[in-house]
Amino acid sequence: MTLDKLQNGQTAVIESIAHDKDGHWRKLVCFGLLPGAEVHMCQRWPAFVIRVGMTEVGLDQTTAQLVTLKV
């Protein structure tokens, strides 16, 4: 399951981050989105807002689809 499928209020653990040709995965890693990290979906519209530790990050759908979660 990818991050864009997580519902409001749900928490999951990151399994992997896909490496895209534009390097968006590097930004995700800098924000703390690493395999094994726990993410919480705060908001889905107008952007995906997730919390990782003490950091909240807003993502578009394309970027959110790079993050695979453990099911």
N, C-alpha and C. Protein backbone atom coordinates (compact mmCIF):
# COMPACT_ATOMS: atom_id res chain seq x y z
N MET A 1 0.85 -1.17 0.00
CA MET A 1 0.00 0.00 0.00
C MET A 1 0.90 1.23 0.00
N THR A 2 0.52 2.23 -0.76
CA THR A 2 1.31 3.46 -0.81
C THR A 2 0.70 4.51 0.13
N LEU A 3 1.48 5.51 0.45
CA LEU A 3 1.10 6.53 1.42
C LEU A 3 -0.20 7.25 1.04
N ASP A 4 -0.45 7.44 -0.24
CA ASP A 4 -1.66 8.14 -0.66
C ASP A 4 -2.94 7.37 -0.36
N LYS A 5 -2.84 6.11 0.01
CA LYS A 5 -4.01 5.28 0.36
C LYS A 5 -4.33 5.33 1.85
N LEU A 6 -3.42 5.87 2.67
CA LEU A 6 -3.63 5.96 4.11
C LEU A 6 -4.75 6.95 4.40
N GLN A 7 -5.66 6.60 5.28
CA GLN A 7 -6.80 7.45 5.60
C GLN A 7 -6.46 8.41 6.75
N ASN A 8 -7.26 9.48 6.88
CA ASN A 8 -7.07 10.45 7.97
C ASN A 8 -7.05 9.73 9.32
N GLY A 9 -6.08 10.08 10.15
CA GLY A 9 -5.99 9.52 11.48
C GLY A 9 -5.26 8.19 11.56
N GLN A 10 -4.97 7.57 10.44
CA GLN A 10 -4.27 6.28 10.44
C GLN A 10 -2.77 6.46 10.57
N THR A 11 -2.14 5.46 11.15
CA THR A 11 -0.69 5.43 11.31
C THR A 11 -0.17 4.15 10.68
N ALA A 12 0.99 4.23 10.04
CA ALA A 12 1.61 3.06 9.42
C ALA A 12 3.12 3.21 9.47
N VAL A 13 3.81 2.14 9.13
CA VAL A 13 5.28 2.11 9.10
C VAL A 13 5.74 2.06 7.66
N ILE A 14 6.74 2.87 7.34
CA ILE A 14 7.29 2.92 5.98
C ILE A 14 8.09 1.66 5.69
N GLU A 15 7.80 1.05 4.55
CA GLU A 15 8.54 -0.12 4.11
C GLU A 15 9.69 0.27 3.18
N SER A 16 9.38 1.17 2.22
CA SER A 16 10.42 1.60 1.27
C SER A 16 10.03 2.92 0.62
N ILE A 17 11.04 3.56 0.01
CA ILE A 17 10.85 4.79 -0.75
C ILE A 17 11.36 4.51 -2.16
N ALA A 18 10.49 4.70 -3.16
CA ALA A 18 10.89 4.47 -4.55
C ALA A 18 11.81 5.61 -5.01
N HIS A 19 12.83 5.28 -5.75
CA HIS A 19 13.74 6.28 -6.31
C HIS A 19 13.20 6.72 -7.65
N ASP A 20 12.82 7.99 -7.75
CA ASP A 20 12.31 8.52 -9.01
C ASP A 20 13.40 9.29 -9.73
N LYS A 21 13.19 9.53 -11.02
CA LYS A 21 14.21 10.21 -11.82
C LYS A 21 14.40 11.67 -11.44
N ASP A 22 13.40 12.28 -10.78
CA ASP A 22 13.49 13.69 -10.39
C ASP A 22 14.14 13.90 -9.02
N GLY A 23 14.41 12.83 -8.31
CA GLY A 23 15.09 12.94 -7.02
C GLY A 23 14.19 13.34 -5.86
N HIS A 24 12.88 13.20 -6.01
CA HIS A 24 11.98 13.54 -4.90
C HIS A 24 12.25 12.68 -3.67
N TRP A 25 12.72 11.46 -3.86
CA TRP A 25 13.00 10.57 -2.75
C TRP A 25 14.04 11.17 -1.81
N ARG A 26 14.97 11.97 -2.34
CA ARG A 26 15.99 12.60 -1.50
C ARG A 26 15.35 13.57 -0.50
N LYS A 27 14.36 14.34 -0.98
CA LYS A 27 13.66 15.27 -0.09
C LYS A 27 12.92 14.52 1.00
N LEU A 28 12.29 13.41 0.64
CA LEU A 28 11.55 12.62 1.61
C LEU A 28 12.47 12.10 2.71
N VAL A 29 13.63 11.63 2.32
CA VAL A 29 14.61 11.13 3.29
C VAL A 29 15.07 12.26 4.20
N CYS A 30 15.28 13.44 3.68
CA CYS A 30 15.70 14.59 4.49
C CYS A 30 14.64 14.96 5.53
N PHE A 31 13.37 14.71 5.23
CA PHE A 31 12.28 14.99 6.16
C PHE A 31 12.10 13.89 7.19
N GLY A 32 12.87 12.81 7.08
CA GLY A 32 12.78 11.72 8.04
C GLY A 32 11.92 10.56 7.59
N LEU A 33 11.49 10.58 6.34
CA LEU A 33 10.72 9.46 5.82
C LEU A 33 11.70 8.38 5.39
N LEU A 34 11.97 7.47 6.29
CA LEU A 34 12.92 6.39 6.08
C LEU A 34 12.23 5.07 6.36
N PRO A 35 12.70 3.98 5.76
CA PRO A 35 12.14 2.67 6.10
C PRO A 35 12.20 2.44 7.61
N GLY A 36 11.07 1.99 8.15
CA GLY A 36 10.98 1.74 9.58
C GLY A 36 10.36 2.89 10.37
N ALA A 37 10.28 4.08 9.76
CA ALA A 37 9.70 5.24 10.44
C ALA A 37 8.17 5.12 10.44
N GLU A 38 7.57 5.61 11.51
CA GLU A 38 6.11 5.61 11.63
C GLU A 38 5.55 6.92 11.10
N VAL A 39 4.54 6.84 10.23
CA VAL A 39 3.91 8.04 9.67
C VAL A 39 2.44 8.08 10.07
N HIS A 40 1.95 9.28 10.30
CA HIS A 40 0.55 9.49 10.68
C HIS A 40 -0.08 10.44 9.66
N MET A 41 -1.22 10.05 9.09
CA MET A 41 -1.92 10.90 8.12
C MET A 41 -2.77 11.92 8.88
N CYS A 42 -2.41 13.19 8.75
CA CYS A 42 -3.13 14.28 9.42
C CYS A 42 -4.24 14.83 8.55
N GLN A 43 -4.01 14.87 7.23
CA GLN A 43 -4.96 15.51 6.31
C GLN A 43 -4.73 14.94 4.91
N ARG A 44 -5.81 14.81 4.15
CA ARG A 44 -5.69 14.30 2.78
C ARG A 44 -6.01 15.35 1.72
N TRP A 45 -6.65 16.43 2.08
CA TRP A 45 -7.06 17.43 1.10
C TRP A 45 -6.83 18.82 1.64
N PRO A 46 -6.31 19.77 0.93
CA PRO A 46 -5.98 19.76 -0.50
C PRO A 46 -4.63 19.12 -0.80
N ALA A 47 -3.86 18.83 0.23
CA ALA A 47 -2.60 18.10 0.06
C ALA A 47 -2.53 17.05 1.16
N PHE A 48 -1.71 16.03 0.94
CA PHE A 48 -1.50 15.03 1.98
C PHE A 48 -0.57 15.65 3.02
N VAL A 49 -1.01 15.72 4.25
CA VAL A 49 -0.17 16.23 5.33
C VAL A 49 0.08 15.06 6.28
N ILE A 50 1.35 14.72 6.43
CA ILE A 50 1.71 13.60 7.30
C ILE A 50 2.63 14.08 8.40
N ARG A 51 2.65 13.32 9.48
CA ARG A 51 3.57 13.62 10.58
C ARG A 51 4.51 12.44 10.75
N VAL A 52 5.79 12.75 10.80
CA VAL A 52 6.85 11.77 11.06
C VAL A 52 7.63 12.31 12.24
N GLY A 53 7.51 11.66 13.38
CA GLY A 53 8.15 12.20 14.59
C GLY A 53 7.54 13.54 14.92
N MET A 54 8.34 14.58 15.02
CA MET A 54 7.87 15.93 15.33
C MET A 54 7.76 16.80 14.08
N THR A 55 7.89 16.20 12.89
CA THR A 55 7.86 16.94 11.63
C THR A 55 6.56 16.68 10.88
N GLU A 56 5.93 17.74 10.40
CA GLU A 56 4.77 17.62 9.53
C GLU A 56 5.17 18.05 8.13
N VAL A 57 4.78 17.24 7.14
CA VAL A 57 5.17 17.47 5.76
C VAL A 57 3.94 17.42 4.87
N GLY A 58 3.83 18.34 3.92
CA GLY A 58 2.77 18.32 2.93
C GLY A 58 3.30 17.74 1.63
N LEU A 59 2.56 16.80 1.06
CA LEU A 59 3.00 16.12 -0.17
C LEU A 59 1.88 16.12 -1.21
N ASP A 60 2.29 16.13 -2.48
CA ASP A 60 1.29 15.94 -3.53
C ASP A 60 1.11 14.44 -3.75
N GLN A 61 0.13 14.08 -4.55
CA GLN A 61 -0.19 12.66 -4.73
C GLN A 61 0.95 11.89 -5.39
N THR A 62 1.59 12.48 -6.37
CA THR A 62 2.69 11.80 -7.06
C THR A 62 3.82 11.44 -6.10
N THR A 63 4.17 12.37 -5.23
CA THR A 63 5.24 12.12 -4.27
C THR A 63 4.78 11.12 -3.21
N ALA A 64 3.54 11.22 -2.76
CA ALA A 64 3.02 10.29 -1.75
C ALA A 64 3.03 8.85 -2.29
N GLN A 65 2.88 8.68 -3.59
CA GLN A 65 2.89 7.35 -4.18
C GLN A 65 4.27 6.71 -4.20
N LEU A 66 5.31 7.48 -3.91
CA LEU A 66 6.66 6.92 -3.86
C LEU A 66 6.92 6.16 -2.56
N VAL A 67 6.06 6.38 -1.57
CA VAL A 67 6.27 5.79 -0.24
C VAL A 67 5.39 4.56 -0.09
N THR A 68 6.03 3.40 0.10
CA THR A 68 5.31 2.15 0.32
C THR A 68 5.27 1.87 1.82
N LEU A 69 4.09 1.48 2.28
CA LEU A 69 3.88 1.21 3.71
C LEU A 69 3.75 -0.29 3.94
N LYS A 70 4.14 -0.73 5.16
CA LYS A 70 3.94 -2.13 5.54
C LYS A 70 2.47 -2.35 5.81
N VAL A 71 1.96 -3.46 5.32
CA VAL A 71 0.54 -3.77 5.49
C VAL A 71 0.35 -4.69 6.68
